[in-house]
Amino acid sequence: RIASVEKLLFVQMLDLSHNEIQSTEGLEAMQLLSCLNLSHNRIRNFSALNSLRHVKQLRVLDVSHNHIGKHSVDTTRYLCSS
């Protein structure tokens, strides 16, 4: 869980790369977030990104250099709508 985000409610761009993050739980409070960099962390599956489904303004999400690998899930549900 990513703690203390209640103080970051008005942040629109956030770089959390290189932090050994395993889950995005806690970020759902950041409703104005439009760009999020989660590259080079420890995210291992798409379910770790579930809380981001509630961040309606999110347009750019970088999860490169994580060990997500190939999974039999519908990855299109994690794409940002335009």
N, C-alpha and C. Protein backbone atom coordinates (compact mmCIF):
# COMPACT_ATOMS: atom_id res chain seq x y z
N ARG A 1 0.85 -1.19 0.00
CA ARG A 1 0.00 0.00 0.00
C ARG A 1 0.88 1.24 0.00
N ILE A 2 0.53 2.19 -0.84
CA ILE A 2 1.26 3.45 -0.90
C ILE A 2 0.57 4.41 0.07
N ALA A 3 1.26 4.79 1.12
CA ALA A 3 0.66 5.58 2.20
C ALA A 3 0.85 7.08 1.99
N SER A 4 0.11 7.85 2.74
CA SER A 4 0.21 9.32 2.81
C SER A 4 -0.14 10.04 1.51
N VAL A 5 -0.91 9.42 0.64
CA VAL A 5 -1.30 10.13 -0.59
C VAL A 5 -2.44 11.11 -0.36
N GLU A 6 -3.07 11.04 0.80
CA GLU A 6 -4.16 11.99 1.06
C GLU A 6 -3.67 13.43 1.04
N LYS A 7 -2.37 13.63 1.19
CA LYS A 7 -1.80 14.97 1.12
C LYS A 7 -1.46 15.37 -0.31
N LEU A 8 -1.62 14.45 -1.25
CA LEU A 8 -1.24 14.69 -2.64
C LEU A 8 -2.46 14.69 -3.56
N LEU A 9 -3.60 15.06 -3.06
CA LEU A 9 -4.84 14.96 -3.81
C LEU A 9 -4.87 15.77 -5.09
N PHE A 10 -4.11 16.85 -5.17
CA PHE A 10 -4.18 17.72 -6.34
C PHE A 10 -3.03 17.52 -7.31
N VAL A 11 -2.23 16.50 -7.09
CA VAL A 11 -1.11 16.19 -7.98
C VAL A 11 -1.65 15.61 -9.29
N GLN A 12 -1.11 16.09 -10.41
CA GLN A 12 -1.53 15.59 -11.71
C GLN A 12 -0.49 14.68 -12.35
N MET A 13 0.78 14.91 -12.05
CA MET A 13 1.86 14.08 -12.59
C MET A 13 2.69 13.55 -11.43
N LEU A 14 2.99 12.25 -11.45
CA LEU A 14 3.71 11.64 -10.34
C LEU A 14 4.70 10.60 -10.88
N ASP A 15 5.94 10.71 -10.44
CA ASP A 15 6.98 9.76 -10.83
C ASP A 15 7.36 8.93 -9.62
N LEU A 16 6.96 7.67 -9.62
CA LEU A 16 7.27 6.74 -8.53
C LEU A 16 8.20 5.63 -9.03
N SER A 17 8.96 5.92 -10.05
CA SER A 17 9.88 4.92 -10.60
C SER A 17 11.00 4.62 -9.61
N HIS A 18 11.55 3.41 -9.74
CA HIS A 18 12.68 2.96 -8.90
C HIS A 18 12.37 2.99 -7.40
N ASN A 19 11.20 2.49 -7.00
CA ASN A 19 10.81 2.50 -5.59
C ASN A 19 10.44 1.14 -5.03
N GLU A 20 10.61 0.08 -5.77
CA GLU A 20 10.27 -1.27 -5.33
C GLU A 20 8.80 -1.43 -4.97
N ILE A 21 7.94 -0.69 -5.65
CA ILE A 21 6.49 -0.75 -5.43
C ILE A 21 5.95 -2.06 -6.00
N GLN A 22 5.06 -2.70 -5.24
CA GLN A 22 4.45 -3.96 -5.66
C GLN A 22 2.97 -3.82 -5.99
N SER A 23 2.35 -2.74 -5.52
CA SER A 23 0.92 -2.55 -5.72
C SER A 23 0.62 -1.05 -5.76
N THR A 24 -0.45 -0.69 -6.46
CA THR A 24 -0.85 0.72 -6.53
C THR A 24 -1.92 1.06 -5.51
N GLU A 25 -2.21 0.15 -4.61
CA GLU A 25 -3.23 0.39 -3.59
C GLU A 25 -2.89 1.65 -2.81
N GLY A 26 -3.85 2.54 -2.71
CA GLY A 26 -3.65 3.82 -2.03
C GLY A 26 -3.68 4.99 -2.99
N LEU A 27 -3.36 4.74 -4.26
CA LEU A 27 -3.34 5.82 -5.25
C LEU A 27 -4.73 6.20 -5.75
N GLU A 28 -5.72 5.40 -5.45
CA GLU A 28 -7.08 5.69 -5.94
C GLU A 28 -7.62 7.01 -5.39
N ALA A 29 -7.04 7.53 -4.33
CA ALA A 29 -7.48 8.81 -3.76
C ALA A 29 -7.04 9.99 -4.62
N MET A 30 -6.10 9.77 -5.50
CA MET A 30 -5.54 10.86 -6.32
C MET A 30 -6.36 11.02 -7.61
N GLN A 31 -7.54 11.57 -7.48
CA GLN A 31 -8.48 11.64 -8.59
C GLN A 31 -8.07 12.57 -9.73
N LEU A 32 -7.14 13.47 -9.51
CA LEU A 32 -6.69 14.38 -10.57
C LEU A 32 -5.44 13.88 -11.28
N LEU A 33 -4.93 12.75 -10.88
CA LEU A 33 -3.71 12.19 -11.46
C LEU A 33 -3.94 11.85 -12.93
N SER A 34 -3.12 12.42 -13.81
CA SER A 34 -3.26 12.14 -15.24
C SER A 34 -2.06 11.42 -15.83
N CYS A 35 -0.92 11.50 -15.16
CA CYS A 35 0.30 10.87 -15.66
C CYS A 35 1.04 10.21 -14.50
N LEU A 36 1.30 8.91 -14.63
CA LEU A 36 1.92 8.15 -13.55
C LEU A 36 3.04 7.28 -14.09
N ASN A 37 4.22 7.44 -13.53
CA ASN A 37 5.37 6.63 -13.92
C ASN A 37 5.66 5.62 -12.81
N LEU A 38 5.43 4.36 -13.12
CA LEU A 38 5.70 3.26 -12.19
C LEU A 38 6.79 2.34 -12.73
N SER A 39 7.61 2.84 -13.62
CA SER A 39 8.65 2.01 -14.23
C SER A 39 9.70 1.61 -13.20
N HIS A 40 10.36 0.50 -13.49
CA HIS A 40 11.45 -0.01 -12.65
C HIS A 40 11.01 -0.25 -11.19
N ASN A 41 9.89 -0.92 -11.03
CA ASN A 41 9.41 -1.29 -9.70
C ASN A 41 9.30 -2.80 -9.61
N ARG A 42 8.48 -3.29 -8.71
CA ARG A 42 8.34 -4.73 -8.49
C ARG A 42 6.91 -5.20 -8.75
N ILE A 43 6.26 -4.58 -9.72
CA ILE A 43 4.90 -4.97 -10.09
C ILE A 43 4.99 -6.27 -10.89
N ARG A 44 4.30 -7.30 -10.43
CA ARG A 44 4.43 -8.62 -11.04
C ARG A 44 3.20 -9.07 -11.82
N ASN A 45 2.07 -8.40 -11.62
CA ASN A 45 0.87 -8.78 -12.37
C ASN A 45 -0.07 -7.59 -12.50
N PHE A 46 -1.01 -7.72 -13.41
CA PHE A 46 -1.93 -6.62 -13.66
C PHE A 46 -2.89 -6.37 -12.50
N SER A 47 -3.15 -7.36 -11.68
CA SER A 47 -4.05 -7.13 -10.54
C SER A 47 -3.45 -6.13 -9.56
N ALA A 48 -2.15 -5.95 -9.57
CA ALA A 48 -1.51 -4.96 -8.70
C ALA A 48 -1.87 -3.54 -9.12
N LEU A 49 -2.45 -3.40 -10.31
CA LEU A 49 -2.84 -2.08 -10.83
C LEU A 49 -4.33 -1.80 -10.66
N ASN A 50 -5.07 -2.69 -10.05
CA ASN A 50 -6.53 -2.57 -9.95
C ASN A 50 -7.01 -1.25 -9.37
N SER A 51 -6.34 -0.72 -8.39
CA SER A 51 -6.81 0.52 -7.76
C SER A 51 -6.79 1.69 -8.73
N LEU A 52 -6.00 1.61 -9.79
CA LEU A 52 -5.94 2.70 -10.76
C LEU A 52 -7.20 2.79 -11.62
N ARG A 53 -8.03 1.77 -11.59
CA ARG A 53 -9.28 1.82 -12.35
C ARG A 53 -10.19 2.94 -11.84
N HIS A 54 -9.98 3.38 -10.63
CA HIS A 54 -10.81 4.42 -10.03
C HIS A 54 -10.26 5.82 -10.30
N VAL A 55 -9.09 5.92 -10.89
CA VAL A 55 -8.47 7.21 -11.19
C VAL A 55 -8.89 7.58 -12.62
N LYS A 56 -10.01 8.25 -12.74
CA LYS A 56 -10.64 8.50 -14.04
C LYS A 56 -9.86 9.45 -14.94
N GLN A 57 -9.02 10.31 -14.38
CA GLN A 57 -8.25 11.26 -15.18
C GLN A 57 -6.95 10.67 -15.73
N LEU A 58 -6.58 9.48 -15.32
CA LEU A 58 -5.31 8.89 -15.72
C LEU A 58 -5.27 8.64 -17.23
N ARG A 59 -4.29 9.25 -17.90
CA ARG A 59 -4.14 9.12 -19.35
C ARG A 59 -2.82 8.46 -19.74
N VAL A 60 -1.78 8.63 -18.92
CA VAL A 60 -0.47 8.06 -19.22
C VAL A 60 -0.03 7.21 -18.04
N LEU A 61 0.30 5.97 -18.33
CA LEU A 61 0.76 5.04 -17.30
C LEU A 61 1.96 4.28 -17.83
N ASP A 62 3.10 4.44 -17.17
CA ASP A 62 4.33 3.75 -17.56
C ASP A 62 4.63 2.66 -16.54
N VAL A 63 4.52 1.41 -16.97
CA VAL A 63 4.86 0.27 -16.12
C VAL A 63 6.00 -0.54 -16.74
N SER A 64 6.80 0.13 -17.55
CA SER A 64 7.92 -0.56 -18.19
C SER A 64 8.95 -1.00 -17.15
N HIS A 65 9.69 -2.01 -17.51
CA HIS A 65 10.76 -2.55 -16.66
C HIS A 65 10.25 -3.06 -15.31
N ASN A 66 9.05 -3.62 -15.33
CA ASN A 66 8.52 -4.39 -14.21
C ASN A 66 8.47 -5.83 -14.70
N HIS A 67 8.28 -6.75 -13.82
CA HIS A 67 8.27 -8.16 -14.21
C HIS A 67 6.84 -8.68 -14.35
N ILE A 68 6.06 -8.01 -15.19
CA ILE A 68 4.67 -8.38 -15.37
C ILE A 68 4.56 -9.66 -16.20
N GLY A 69 5.34 -9.77 -17.25
CA GLY A 69 5.36 -10.98 -18.08
C GLY A 69 4.07 -11.19 -18.83
N LYS A 70 3.89 -12.40 -19.32
CA LYS A 70 2.70 -12.75 -20.09
C LYS A 70 1.66 -13.36 -19.17
N HIS A 71 0.46 -12.81 -19.23
CA HIS A 71 -0.63 -13.32 -18.40
C HIS A 71 -1.87 -13.48 -19.26
N SER A 72 -2.69 -14.40 -18.93
CA SER A 72 -3.92 -14.64 -19.68
C SER A 72 -5.04 -13.76 -19.14
N VAL A 73 -4.86 -12.46 -19.23
CA VAL A 73 -5.89 -11.51 -18.81
C VAL A 73 -6.16 -10.55 -19.95
N ASP A 74 -7.28 -9.89 -19.90
CA ASP A 74 -7.62 -8.89 -20.89
C ASP A 74 -6.90 -7.59 -20.54
N THR A 75 -5.76 -7.35 -21.17
CA THR A 75 -4.97 -6.17 -20.85
C THR A 75 -5.62 -4.88 -21.34
N THR A 76 -6.58 -4.96 -22.25
CA THR A 76 -7.20 -3.75 -22.76
C THR A 76 -7.98 -3.01 -21.69
N ARG A 77 -8.39 -3.68 -20.64
CA ARG A 77 -9.14 -2.98 -19.60
C ARG A 77 -8.26 -2.05 -18.78
N TYR A 78 -6.93 -2.16 -18.95
CA TYR A 78 -6.00 -1.29 -18.24
C TYR A 78 -5.52 -0.13 -19.10
N LEU A 79 -5.99 -0.05 -20.33
CA LEU A 79 -5.59 1.05 -21.20
C LEU A 79 -6.41 2.28 -20.85
N CYS A 80 -5.80 3.44 -21.04
CA CYS A 80 -6.49 4.70 -20.76
C CYS A 80 -7.41 5.03 -21.93
N SER A 81 -8.58 5.51 -21.64
CA SER A 81 -9.49 5.95 -22.69
C SER A 81 -9.15 7.38 -23.07
N SER A 82 -9.42 7.71 -24.31
CA SER A 82 -9.07 9.08 -24.76
C SER A 82 -10.29 9.97 -24.77
